N, C-alpha and C. Protein backbone atom coordinates (compact mmCIF):
# COMPACT_ATOMS: atom_id res chain seq x y z
N UNK A 1 -6.12 -97.21 -70.55
CA UNK A 1 -4.95 -96.52 -70.02
C UNK A 1 -5.27 -95.19 -69.03
N UNK A 2 -6.26 -94.46 -69.63
CA UNK A 2 -6.27 -93.05 -68.89
C UNK A 2 -7.36 -93.34 -67.21
N UNK A 3 -7.85 -94.62 -67.37
CA UNK A 3 -8.20 -94.99 -65.94
C UNK A 3 -7.03 -95.21 -64.87
N UNK A 4 -6.14 -95.22 -65.27
CA UNK A 4 -4.68 -95.63 -64.40
C UNK A 4 -4.44 -94.02 -63.59
N UNK A 5 -4.67 -93.00 -64.35
CA UNK A 5 -4.58 -91.59 -64.02
C UNK A 5 -5.95 -91.21 -62.99
N UNK A 6 -6.95 -91.49 -63.70
CA UNK A 6 -8.25 -91.16 -62.99
C UNK A 6 -8.69 -91.86 -61.66
N UNK A 7 -8.09 -93.18 -61.42
CA UNK A 7 -8.42 -93.88 -60.24
C UNK A 7 -7.72 -93.25 -59.29
N UNK A 8 -6.53 -93.10 -58.98
CA UNK A 8 -5.78 -92.29 -57.71
C UNK A 8 -6.28 -90.79 -57.55
N UNK A 9 -6.35 -90.23 -58.96
CA UNK A 9 -6.93 -88.70 -58.69
C UNK A 9 -8.34 -89.03 -57.94
N UNK A 10 -9.30 -89.63 -58.33
CA UNK A 10 -10.62 -89.91 -57.86
C UNK A 10 -10.61 -90.18 -56.33
N UNK A 11 -9.53 -90.99 -55.98
CA UNK A 11 -9.50 -91.54 -54.63
C UNK A 11 -9.07 -90.26 -53.63
N UNK A 12 -8.12 -89.62 -54.07
CA UNK A 12 -7.54 -88.50 -53.37
C UNK A 12 -8.79 -87.51 -53.54
N UNK A 13 -9.52 -87.23 -54.10
CA UNK A 13 -10.65 -86.29 -54.25
C UNK A 13 -11.79 -86.82 -53.15
N UNK A 14 -12.18 -88.06 -52.91
CA UNK A 14 -13.02 -88.74 -52.06
C UNK A 14 -12.36 -88.50 -50.77
N UNK A 15 -11.02 -88.76 -50.76
CA UNK A 15 -10.25 -88.95 -49.18
C UNK A 15 -10.51 -87.22 -48.57
N UNK A 16 -10.03 -86.25 -49.74
CA UNK A 16 -10.14 -84.83 -49.22
C UNK A 16 -11.50 -84.31 -48.95
N UNK A 17 -12.28 -84.96 -49.74
CA UNK A 17 -13.88 -84.42 -49.58
C UNK A 17 -14.55 -84.74 -48.05
N UNK A 18 -14.03 -86.16 -47.90
CA UNK A 18 -14.44 -86.70 -46.90
C UNK A 18 -13.60 -86.10 -45.22
N UNK A 19 -12.29 -85.78 -45.47
CA UNK A 19 -11.93 -85.17 -44.50
C UNK A 19 -12.00 -83.67 -44.09
N UNK A 20 -12.14 -82.90 -45.12
CA UNK A 20 -12.00 -81.24 -45.07
C UNK A 20 -13.61 -80.61 -45.62
N UNK A 21 -14.24 -80.43 -44.60
CA UNK A 21 -15.90 -79.69 -45.24
C UNK A 21 -15.59 -78.63 -46.23
N UNK A 22 -14.37 -77.85 -46.12
CA UNK A 22 -14.17 -76.56 -46.87
C UNK A 22 -13.94 -77.04 -48.34
N UNK A 23 -13.20 -78.09 -48.44
CA UNK A 23 -12.82 -78.82 -50.02
C UNK A 23 -14.08 -79.46 -50.44
N UNK A 24 -15.00 -80.09 -49.76
CA UNK A 24 -16.37 -80.41 -50.23
C UNK A 24 -17.04 -79.62 -50.92
N UNK A 25 -17.59 -78.40 -50.07
CA UNK A 25 -18.02 -77.13 -50.51
C UNK A 25 -17.56 -76.78 -51.80
N UNK A 26 -16.23 -76.94 -51.86
CA UNK A 26 -15.75 -76.07 -53.31
C UNK A 26 -16.05 -77.41 -54.39
N UNK A 27 -15.58 -78.55 -54.07
CA UNK A 27 -15.30 -79.43 -55.12
C UNK A 27 -16.78 -79.91 -55.84
N UNK A 28 -17.81 -80.08 -54.87
CA UNK A 28 -19.04 -80.58 -55.32
C UNK A 28 -19.69 -79.62 -56.94
N UNK A 29 -19.74 -78.79 -56.52
CA UNK A 29 -20.27 -78.05 -57.82
C UNK A 29 -19.24 -77.93 -59.05
N UNK A 30 -17.93 -77.99 -58.76
CA UNK A 30 -16.89 -78.49 -59.89
C UNK A 30 -17.16 -79.43 -60.45
N UNK A 31 -17.28 -80.97 -59.72
CA UNK A 31 -17.07 -81.97 -60.34
C UNK A 31 -18.71 -82.14 -60.83
N UNK A 32 -19.63 -81.57 -60.05
CA UNK A 32 -21.30 -81.55 -61.08
C UNK A 32 -20.82 -80.99 -62.31
N UNK A 33 -20.31 -80.00 -62.49
CA UNK A 33 -20.06 -79.57 -63.88
C UNK A 33 -19.18 -80.24 -64.95
N UNK A 34 -18.24 -81.03 -64.07
CA UNK A 34 -17.43 -81.75 -64.95
C UNK A 34 -17.98 -82.77 -65.47
N UNK A 35 -18.71 -83.43 -64.63
CA UNK A 35 -19.63 -84.90 -65.17
C UNK A 35 -20.44 -84.25 -66.17
N UNK A 36 -21.35 -83.10 -66.16
CA UNK A 36 -22.16 -83.01 -67.12
C UNK A 36 -21.64 -82.26 -68.75
N UNK A 37 -20.40 -81.87 -68.33
CA UNK A 37 -19.46 -81.43 -69.77
C UNK A 37 -19.26 -82.56 -70.45
N UNK A 38 -18.56 -83.64 -69.54
CA UNK A 38 -18.33 -85.08 -70.10
C UNK A 38 -19.37 -85.94 -70.29
N UNK A 39 -20.27 -85.95 -69.73
CA UNK A 39 -21.54 -86.70 -70.38
C UNK A 39 -22.15 -85.81 -71.55
N UNK A 40 -21.85 -84.73 -71.85
CA UNK A 40 -22.53 -84.18 -73.25
C UNK A 40 -21.68 -84.17 -74.13
N UNK A 41 -20.17 -84.23 -73.84
CA UNK A 41 -19.07 -84.53 -74.93
C UNK A 41 -19.23 -85.97 -75.50
N UNK A 42 -19.53 -86.91 -74.33
CA UNK A 42 -19.69 -88.21 -74.95
C UNK A 42 -20.81 -88.43 -75.80
N UNK A 43 -21.92 -87.70 -75.39
CA UNK A 43 -23.01 -87.65 -76.26
C UNK A 43 -22.80 -87.80 -77.46
N UNK A 44 -22.36 -86.40 -77.74
CA UNK A 44 -21.83 -85.90 -79.11
C UNK A 44 -21.32 -86.53 -79.80
N UNK A 45 -20.23 -87.42 -79.32
CA UNK A 45 -19.23 -88.30 -79.88
C UNK A 45 -19.90 -89.21 -80.11
N UNK A 46 -20.79 -89.99 -79.48
CA UNK A 46 -21.57 -91.09 -79.96
C UNK A 46 -22.59 -90.77 -81.51
N UNK A 47 -23.12 -89.38 -81.30
CA UNK A 47 -23.94 -89.08 -82.23
C UNK A 47 -23.21 -88.85 -83.41
N UNK A 48 -21.96 -88.40 -83.48
CA UNK A 48 -21.06 -88.35 -84.43
C UNK A 48 -21.03 -89.55 -85.24
N UNK A 49 -20.50 -90.28 -84.30
CA UNK A 49 -19.92 -92.06 -84.70
C UNK A 49 -21.20 -92.69 -85.06
N UNK A 50 -22.24 -92.52 -84.73
CA UNK A 50 -23.52 -93.47 -85.13
C UNK A 50 -24.07 -92.98 -86.58
N UNK A 51 -24.14 -91.65 -87.05
CA UNK A 51 -24.10 -90.95 -88.38
C UNK A 51 -23.28 -91.42 -89.27
N UNK A 52 -23.83 -91.92 -90.26
CA UNK A 52 -22.64 -92.12 -91.49
C UNK A 52 -22.80 -90.82 -92.29
N UNK A 53 -21.26 -90.95 -92.79
CA UNK A 53 -20.76 -89.67 -93.63
C UNK A 53 -21.64 -89.49 -94.71
N UNK A 54 -21.99 -90.16 -95.64
CA UNK A 54 -22.91 -89.62 -96.73
C UNK A 54 -24.32 -90.83 -96.52
N UNK A 55 -25.31 -90.18 -96.61
CA UNK A 55 -26.43 -90.56 -96.76
C UNK A 55 -27.02 -91.17 -97.68
N UNK A 56 -26.87 -92.32 -98.01
CA UNK A 56 -27.23 -92.82 -99.45
C UNK A 56 -28.74 -92.29 -100.10
N UNK A 57 -28.97 -92.00 -101.20
CA UNK A 57 -30.65 -91.65 -101.68
C UNK A 57 -31.21 -92.94 -101.66
N UNK A 58 -32.68 -92.69 -101.29
CA UNK A 58 -33.33 -94.11 -101.33
C UNK A 58 -33.65 -94.51 -102.92
N UNK A 59 -33.65 -95.61 -102.74
CA UNK A 59 -33.72 -95.99 -104.19
C UNK A 59 -35.24 -96.26 -104.49
N UNK A 60 -35.99 -95.92 -105.34
CA UNK A 60 -37.46 -96.28 -105.34
C UNK A 60 -37.91 -97.78 -105.50
N UNK A 61 -38.70 -98.20 -105.09
CA UNK A 61 -39.25 -99.51 -105.52
C UNK A 61 -39.56 -99.30 -106.60
N UNK A 62 -39.08 -100.06 -108.00
CA UNK A 62 -39.65 -99.91 -109.16
C UNK A 62 -40.93 -101.29 -109.20
N UNK A 63 -41.99 -101.11 -109.25
CA UNK A 63 -42.95 -102.33 -109.79
C UNK A 63 -42.49 -103.00 -111.06
N UNK A 64 -43.19 -104.16 -111.13
CA UNK A 64 -43.03 -105.08 -111.92
C UNK A 64 -43.35 -104.61 -113.43
N UNK A 65 -42.59 -105.08 -114.42
CA UNK A 65 -43.19 -104.52 -115.59
C UNK A 65 -44.66 -104.81 -115.88
N UNK A 66 -45.14 -103.76 -116.51
CA UNK A 66 -46.45 -104.08 -117.11
C UNK A 66 -47.90 -103.98 -116.10
N UNK A 67 -47.40 -104.01 -114.34
CA UNK A 67 -48.50 -103.91 -113.64
C UNK A 67 -48.80 -102.44 -112.97
N UNK A 68 -49.82 -101.97 -113.22
CA UNK A 68 -50.08 -100.40 -112.84
C UNK A 68 -51.34 -100.59 -111.70
N UNK A 69 -51.82 -99.57 -111.47
CA UNK A 69 -52.88 -99.38 -110.63
C UNK A 69 -54.07 -99.49 -111.49
N UNK A 70 -54.00 -99.34 -112.55
CA UNK A 70 -55.49 -99.54 -113.69
C UNK A 70 -55.76 -101.17 -113.80
N UNK A 71 -54.62 -102.11 -113.77
CA UNK A 71 -54.87 -103.05 -113.67
C UNK A 71 -55.49 -104.08 -112.61
N UNK A 72 -55.56 -103.32 -111.40
CA UNK A 72 -56.54 -103.83 -110.49
C UNK A 72 -57.85 -103.60 -110.16
N UNK A 73 -59.01 -104.23 -110.54
CA UNK A 73 -60.30 -103.94 -110.57
C UNK A 73 -60.73 -104.48 -109.35
N UNK A 74 -61.54 -103.39 -108.63
CA UNK A 74 -61.93 -103.68 -107.49
C UNK A 74 -63.41 -103.90 -107.50
N UNK A 75 -64.04 -104.82 -106.94
CA UNK A 75 -65.59 -105.08 -107.28
C UNK A 75 -66.44 -105.42 -106.07
N UNK A 76 -67.53 -105.34 -105.81
CA UNK A 76 -68.25 -105.67 -104.58
C UNK A 76 -67.78 -104.87 -103.33
N UNK A 77 -67.49 -103.82 -103.28
CA UNK A 77 -66.82 -103.10 -101.99
C UNK A 77 -68.39 -102.64 -101.13
N UNK A 78 -67.97 -103.27 -99.98
CA UNK A 78 -69.02 -103.04 -98.70
C UNK A 78 -67.92 -102.43 -97.45
N UNK A 79 -68.97 -101.32 -96.89
CA UNK A 79 -68.56 -100.55 -95.81
C UNK A 79 -69.32 -100.83 -94.76
N UNK A 80 -68.90 -101.38 -93.93
CA UNK A 80 -69.95 -101.59 -92.36
C UNK A 80 -68.81 -101.16 -91.52
N UNK A 81 -69.59 -100.51 -90.33
CA UNK A 81 -69.17 -99.78 -89.15
C UNK A 81 -68.53 -101.16 -88.42
N UNK A 82 -67.47 -100.98 -87.78
CA UNK A 82 -67.01 -101.60 -86.95
C UNK A 82 -67.59 -101.61 -85.40
N UNK A 83 -66.61 -102.30 -84.54
CA UNK A 83 -67.01 -102.28 -82.95
C UNK A 83 -66.95 -100.79 -82.41
N UNK A 84 -65.48 -100.02 -82.78
CA UNK A 84 -65.47 -98.77 -82.53
C UNK A 84 -66.06 -97.92 -83.48
N UNK A 85 -66.77 -96.76 -83.22
CA UNK A 85 -67.39 -95.80 -83.59
C UNK A 85 -66.59 -95.17 -85.02
N UNK A 86 -65.14 -95.25 -84.94
CA UNK A 86 -64.43 -94.50 -85.77
C UNK A 86 -63.87 -95.10 -86.79
N UNK A 87 -63.87 -96.52 -86.73
CA UNK A 87 -63.79 -97.81 -87.79
C UNK A 87 -64.34 -98.52 -88.79
N UNK A 88 -64.10 -98.62 -89.62
CA UNK A 88 -65.23 -99.48 -90.61
C UNK A 88 -64.40 -100.55 -91.11
N UNK A 89 -65.11 -101.86 -91.33
CA UNK A 89 -64.73 -102.87 -92.16
C UNK A 89 -65.00 -102.58 -93.72
N UNK A 90 -63.89 -102.96 -94.15
CA UNK A 90 -64.16 -102.88 -95.98
C UNK A 90 -63.98 -104.54 -96.36
N UNK A 91 -64.70 -104.72 -96.94
CA UNK A 91 -64.84 -105.84 -97.81
C UNK A 91 -65.13 -105.63 -99.21
N UNK A 92 -64.19 -106.76 -99.91
CA UNK A 92 -64.42 -106.45 -101.58
C UNK A 92 -63.60 -107.39 -102.12
N UNK A 93 -63.52 -107.43 -103.46
CA UNK A 93 -63.00 -108.58 -104.56
C UNK A 93 -62.03 -107.69 -105.07
N UNK A 94 -60.92 -108.14 -105.46
CA UNK A 94 -59.63 -107.69 -106.05
C UNK A 94 -59.51 -108.84 -107.33
N UNK A 95 -59.52 -107.86 -108.75
CA UNK A 95 -58.87 -108.82 -109.90
C UNK A 95 -58.10 -108.21 -110.35
N UNK A 96 -57.00 -109.05 -110.95
CA UNK A 96 -55.68 -108.73 -111.26
C UNK A 96 -55.55 -108.86 -113.02
N UNK A 97 -55.91 -107.92 -113.59
CA UNK A 97 -56.12 -107.69 -115.12
C UNK A 97 -54.84 -107.86 -116.01
N UNK A 98 -53.63 -107.72 -115.61
CA UNK A 98 -52.61 -107.73 -115.99
C UNK A 98 -52.02 -109.35 -116.12
N UNK A 99 -50.84 -109.17 -116.82
CA UNK A 99 -50.02 -110.64 -116.81
C UNK A 99 -48.90 -110.75 -116.04
N UNK A 100 -49.03 -109.98 -114.76
CA UNK A 100 -47.99 -109.91 -113.64
C UNK A 100 -48.71 -110.48 -112.54
N UNK A 101 -47.93 -111.46 -111.76
CA UNK A 101 -48.51 -111.53 -110.47
C UNK A 101 -48.45 -110.26 -109.41
N UNK A 102 -49.63 -110.21 -108.78
CA UNK A 102 -49.57 -109.06 -107.66
C UNK A 102 -49.25 -109.66 -106.46
N UNK A 103 -48.44 -108.82 -105.94
CA UNK A 103 -48.01 -108.89 -104.30
C UNK A 103 -48.78 -108.37 -103.32
N UNK A 104 -49.29 -107.06 -103.52
CA UNK A 104 -49.78 -106.34 -102.81
C UNK A 104 -50.41 -105.00 -103.33
N UNK A 105 -51.40 -104.18 -102.68
CA UNK A 105 -51.40 -103.18 -103.36
C UNK A 105 -52.27 -102.00 -102.19
N UNK A 106 -51.94 -100.74 -102.27
CA UNK A 106 -52.56 -99.96 -101.25
C UNK A 106 -53.84 -99.61 -101.74
N UNK A 107 -54.87 -99.47 -100.77
CA UNK A 107 -56.27 -98.99 -100.96
C UNK A 107 -56.67 -97.76 -100.24
N UNK A 108 -56.73 -96.57 -100.94
CA UNK A 108 -57.07 -95.43 -100.46
C UNK A 108 -58.66 -95.06 -100.79
N UNK A 109 -59.32 -95.08 -99.50
CA UNK A 109 -60.65 -94.61 -99.15
C UNK A 109 -60.78 -93.21 -98.37
N UNK A 110 -61.83 -92.68 -99.07
CA UNK A 110 -61.99 -91.31 -98.79
C UNK A 110 -63.83 -91.09 -98.08
N UNK A 111 -63.93 -91.03 -97.13
CA UNK A 111 -65.21 -90.80 -96.38
C UNK A 111 -65.60 -89.30 -96.38
N UNK A 112 -67.06 -89.10 -97.11
CA UNK A 112 -67.46 -87.73 -96.76
C UNK A 112 -69.03 -88.04 -96.18
N UNK A 113 -69.49 -87.15 -95.56
CA UNK A 113 -70.98 -87.13 -95.14
C UNK A 113 -71.81 -86.12 -95.86
N UNK A 114 -72.95 -86.76 -96.65
CA UNK A 114 -73.75 -86.18 -97.45
C UNK A 114 -74.88 -86.27 -97.49
N UNK A 115 -75.41 -85.52 -96.31
CA UNK A 115 -77.12 -85.21 -96.18
C UNK A 115 -77.35 -84.50 -96.71
N UNK A 116 -78.73 -84.60 -97.54
CA UNK A 116 -79.12 -83.84 -98.40
C UNK A 116 -78.42 -83.16 -99.50
N UNK A 117 -77.35 -83.80 -100.07
CA UNK A 117 -76.70 -83.38 -101.18
C UNK A 117 -75.65 -82.56 -101.11
N UNK A 118 -75.11 -82.13 -99.47
CA UNK A 118 -74.12 -81.33 -99.29
C UNK A 118 -73.29 -82.30 -98.59
N UNK A 119 -72.06 -82.26 -99.38
CA UNK A 119 -70.96 -83.29 -98.68
C UNK A 119 -70.13 -82.68 -98.00
N UNK A 120 -69.41 -83.14 -96.79
CA UNK A 120 -68.65 -82.49 -95.76
C UNK A 120 -67.50 -83.75 -95.92
N UNK A 121 -66.51 -83.28 -96.21
CA UNK A 121 -65.37 -84.54 -96.22
C UNK A 121 -64.93 -84.48 -94.67
N UNK A 122 -64.90 -86.07 -94.50
CA UNK A 122 -64.63 -86.52 -92.95
C UNK A 122 -62.94 -86.89 -92.84
N UNK A 123 -62.50 -87.43 -93.97
CA UNK A 123 -61.20 -87.60 -93.81
C UNK A 123 -60.80 -88.76 -95.14
N UNK A 124 -59.36 -89.44 -95.05
CA UNK A 124 -59.33 -90.69 -95.60
C UNK A 124 -58.25 -91.23 -95.11
N UNK A 125 -58.40 -92.70 -95.52
CA UNK A 125 -57.36 -93.58 -94.69
C UNK A 125 -56.85 -94.59 -95.93
N UNK A 126 -55.27 -95.00 -95.68
CA UNK A 126 -54.88 -95.86 -96.82
C UNK A 126 -54.66 -97.29 -96.00
N UNK A 127 -54.85 -98.36 -96.51
CA UNK A 127 -54.64 -99.78 -95.96
C UNK A 127 -53.89 -100.64 -96.79
N UNK A 128 -53.08 -101.36 -96.43
CA UNK A 128 -51.85 -102.09 -97.24
C UNK A 128 -52.65 -103.69 -97.26
N UNK A 129 -52.94 -104.17 -98.57
CA UNK A 129 -53.57 -105.08 -98.91
C UNK A 129 -52.71 -106.38 -99.21
N UNK A 130 -51.93 -106.98 -98.45
CA UNK A 130 -51.55 -108.21 -98.85
C UNK A 130 -51.92 -109.23 -99.65
N UNK A 131 -52.22 -109.50 -100.62
CA UNK A 131 -53.19 -110.25 -101.43
C UNK A 131 -52.08 -110.85 -102.98
N UNK A 132 -51.28 -111.95 -102.45
CA UNK A 132 -51.08 -112.65 -103.81
C UNK A 132 -51.85 -113.15 -104.67
N UNK A 133 -51.85 -112.81 -105.94
CA UNK A 133 -52.67 -112.55 -107.01
C UNK A 133 -52.24 -113.03 -108.16
N UNK A 134 -52.59 -114.17 -109.04
CA UNK A 134 -52.02 -114.77 -110.39
C UNK A 134 -52.64 -113.57 -111.20
N UNK A 135 -51.95 -113.54 -112.52
CA UNK A 135 -52.84 -112.77 -113.86
C UNK A 135 -53.81 -113.51 -113.79
N UNK A 136 -55.00 -112.54 -113.99
CA UNK A 136 -56.29 -113.20 -114.80
C UNK A 136 -57.07 -113.34 -113.55
N UNK A 137 -56.61 -113.61 -111.94
CA UNK A 137 -57.43 -114.25 -111.04
C UNK A 137 -58.06 -113.18 -110.12
N UNK A 138 -58.98 -113.45 -109.41
CA UNK A 138 -59.75 -112.42 -108.43
C UNK A 138 -59.98 -113.48 -107.07
N UNK A 139 -59.88 -112.24 -106.06
CA UNK A 139 -59.94 -113.03 -104.43
C UNK A 139 -60.19 -111.94 -103.73
N UNK A 140 -61.38 -112.36 -102.79
CA UNK A 140 -61.54 -111.49 -101.72
C UNK A 140 -60.75 -110.86 -100.80
N UNK A 141 -61.16 -109.81 -100.52
CA UNK A 141 -60.00 -109.22 -99.25
C UNK A 141 -60.77 -108.50 -98.36
N UNK A 142 -60.52 -108.12 -97.07
CA UNK A 142 -61.15 -107.48 -95.66
C UNK A 142 -59.96 -106.63 -95.35
N UNK A 143 -60.66 -105.81 -94.81
CA UNK A 143 -59.39 -104.62 -93.99
C UNK A 143 -60.44 -103.82 -93.23
N UNK A 144 -59.53 -103.22 -92.37
CA UNK A 144 -60.09 -101.94 -91.50
C UNK A 144 -59.85 -100.64 -91.66
N UNK A 145 -60.44 -99.97 -91.48
CA UNK A 145 -60.05 -98.30 -91.85
C UNK A 145 -60.68 -97.37 -90.59
N UNK A 146 -59.74 -96.35 -90.78
CA UNK A 146 -60.32 -95.70 -89.58
C UNK A 146 -60.36 -94.11 -89.90
N UNK A 147 -61.35 -93.60 -89.33
CA UNK A 147 -61.39 -92.21 -89.68
C UNK A 147 -61.72 -91.12 -88.56
N UNK A 148 -60.98 -90.24 -88.32
CA UNK A 148 -61.15 -89.23 -87.16
C UNK A 148 -62.06 -88.36 -87.44
N UNK A 149 -63.17 -88.51 -86.44
CA UNK A 149 -64.15 -87.52 -86.36
C UNK A 149 -64.91 -87.36 -84.73
N UNK A 150 -65.63 -86.52 -84.48
CA UNK A 150 -65.55 -86.22 -83.05
C UNK A 150 -67.29 -87.04 -83.10
N UNK A 151 -67.55 -87.53 -81.92
CA UNK A 151 -68.75 -88.30 -81.94
C UNK A 151 -70.19 -87.85 -82.06
N UNK A 152 -70.16 -86.19 -82.03
CA UNK A 152 -71.08 -85.67 -82.76
C UNK A 152 -71.53 -85.52 -83.77
N UNK A 153 -69.99 -85.46 -84.69
CA UNK A 153 -70.33 -85.55 -85.87
C UNK A 153 -70.05 -86.63 -86.67
N UNK A 154 -70.65 -87.65 -86.13
CA UNK A 154 -70.63 -88.83 -87.02
C UNK A 154 -71.31 -88.91 -88.09
N UNK A 155 -71.10 -89.54 -89.35
CA UNK A 155 -71.81 -89.57 -90.92
C UNK A 155 -73.10 -89.83 -90.50
N UNK A 156 -73.87 -88.87 -91.25
CA UNK A 156 -75.40 -89.25 -91.22
C UNK A 156 -75.54 -90.25 -92.47
N UNK A 157 -74.93 -89.62 -94.00
CA UNK A 157 -75.02 -90.46 -94.77
C UNK A 157 -73.91 -90.56 -95.68
N UNK A 158 -72.83 -91.41 -95.37
CA UNK A 158 -71.74 -91.62 -95.61
C UNK A 158 -71.71 -92.06 -97.25
N UNK A 159 -70.87 -91.30 -98.09
CA UNK A 159 -70.23 -91.43 -99.01
C UNK A 159 -68.78 -91.93 -99.30
N UNK A 160 -68.50 -92.92 -99.81
CA UNK A 160 -67.26 -93.76 -99.84
C UNK A 160 -66.79 -93.50 -101.38
N UNK A 161 -65.35 -93.15 -101.46
CA UNK A 161 -64.86 -92.95 -102.66
C UNK A 161 -63.31 -93.80 -102.77
N UNK A 162 -63.04 -94.63 -103.38
CA UNK A 162 -61.71 -95.52 -103.02
C UNK A 162 -60.96 -96.04 -104.63
N UNK A 163 -59.67 -95.96 -104.43
CA UNK A 163 -58.90 -96.24 -105.53
C UNK A 163 -57.98 -97.09 -105.05
N UNK A 164 -57.09 -97.73 -105.96
CA UNK A 164 -55.85 -98.41 -106.06
C UNK A 164 -54.74 -97.18 -105.97
N UNK A 165 -54.02 -97.22 -104.92
CA UNK A 165 -53.10 -95.91 -105.05
C UNK A 165 -51.35 -96.73 -105.28
N UNK A 166 -51.29 -97.50 -105.11
CA UNK A 166 -49.81 -98.26 -105.00
C UNK A 166 -50.00 -100.11 -105.46
N UNK A 167 -49.55 -100.25 -106.31
CA UNK A 167 -49.28 -101.85 -106.55
C UNK A 167 -48.06 -102.49 -106.55
N UNK A 168 -47.97 -103.61 -106.19
CA UNK A 168 -46.16 -104.32 -106.41
C UNK A 168 -46.61 -105.66 -107.12
N UNK A 169 -46.12 -105.97 -108.14
CA UNK A 169 -46.10 -107.20 -108.44
C UNK A 169 -44.73 -108.34 -108.39
N UNK A 170 -44.77 -109.36 -108.82
CA UNK A 170 -43.62 -110.19 -108.39
C UNK A 170 -42.63 -109.93 -109.59
N UNK A 171 -41.45 -110.45 -109.35
CA UNK A 171 -40.42 -110.10 -110.37
C UNK A 171 -40.38 -111.19 -110.92
N UNK A 172 -40.15 -111.16 -112.49
CA UNK A 172 -40.41 -112.33 -113.21
C UNK A 172 -39.12 -113.50 -113.03
N UNK A 173 -39.41 -114.46 -113.11
CA UNK A 173 -38.23 -115.48 -112.53
C UNK A 173 -37.76 -116.35 -114.11
């Protein structure tokens, strides 16, 4: 309904601005400021309407009973440089030693450069391994990891350490 008032007012302003030069010099900055204020108010109203009144606390995902990171055994781990100098292909075998089916796990790998026994930490990366693994079974997996370093700091004698940092099992049915 406000447009019924705004339409004749807008037409009157356009007519007067086209007809009188002094009116145009005065109304242009006033309209520019009014439009900027209107857009700012509309943006603030949009932000306030879009935000929920109360943000619910996130519910942590509980792993299936009996499945822990210690139940996942990693074997035959191999690290190979990939096509890019900063990434590595990781291959290995995961074994599920629990009585719960594994849905996925996170593999956290740390890369160190240890020439002549003096180690310098390059960095670590975590990969999500989607691997549905029944209780007591094992299966090979493959993923890629990226470690940021300058080309002149490429590891000469890489030392790898890895661990399972998170597991998720299937819920019992």
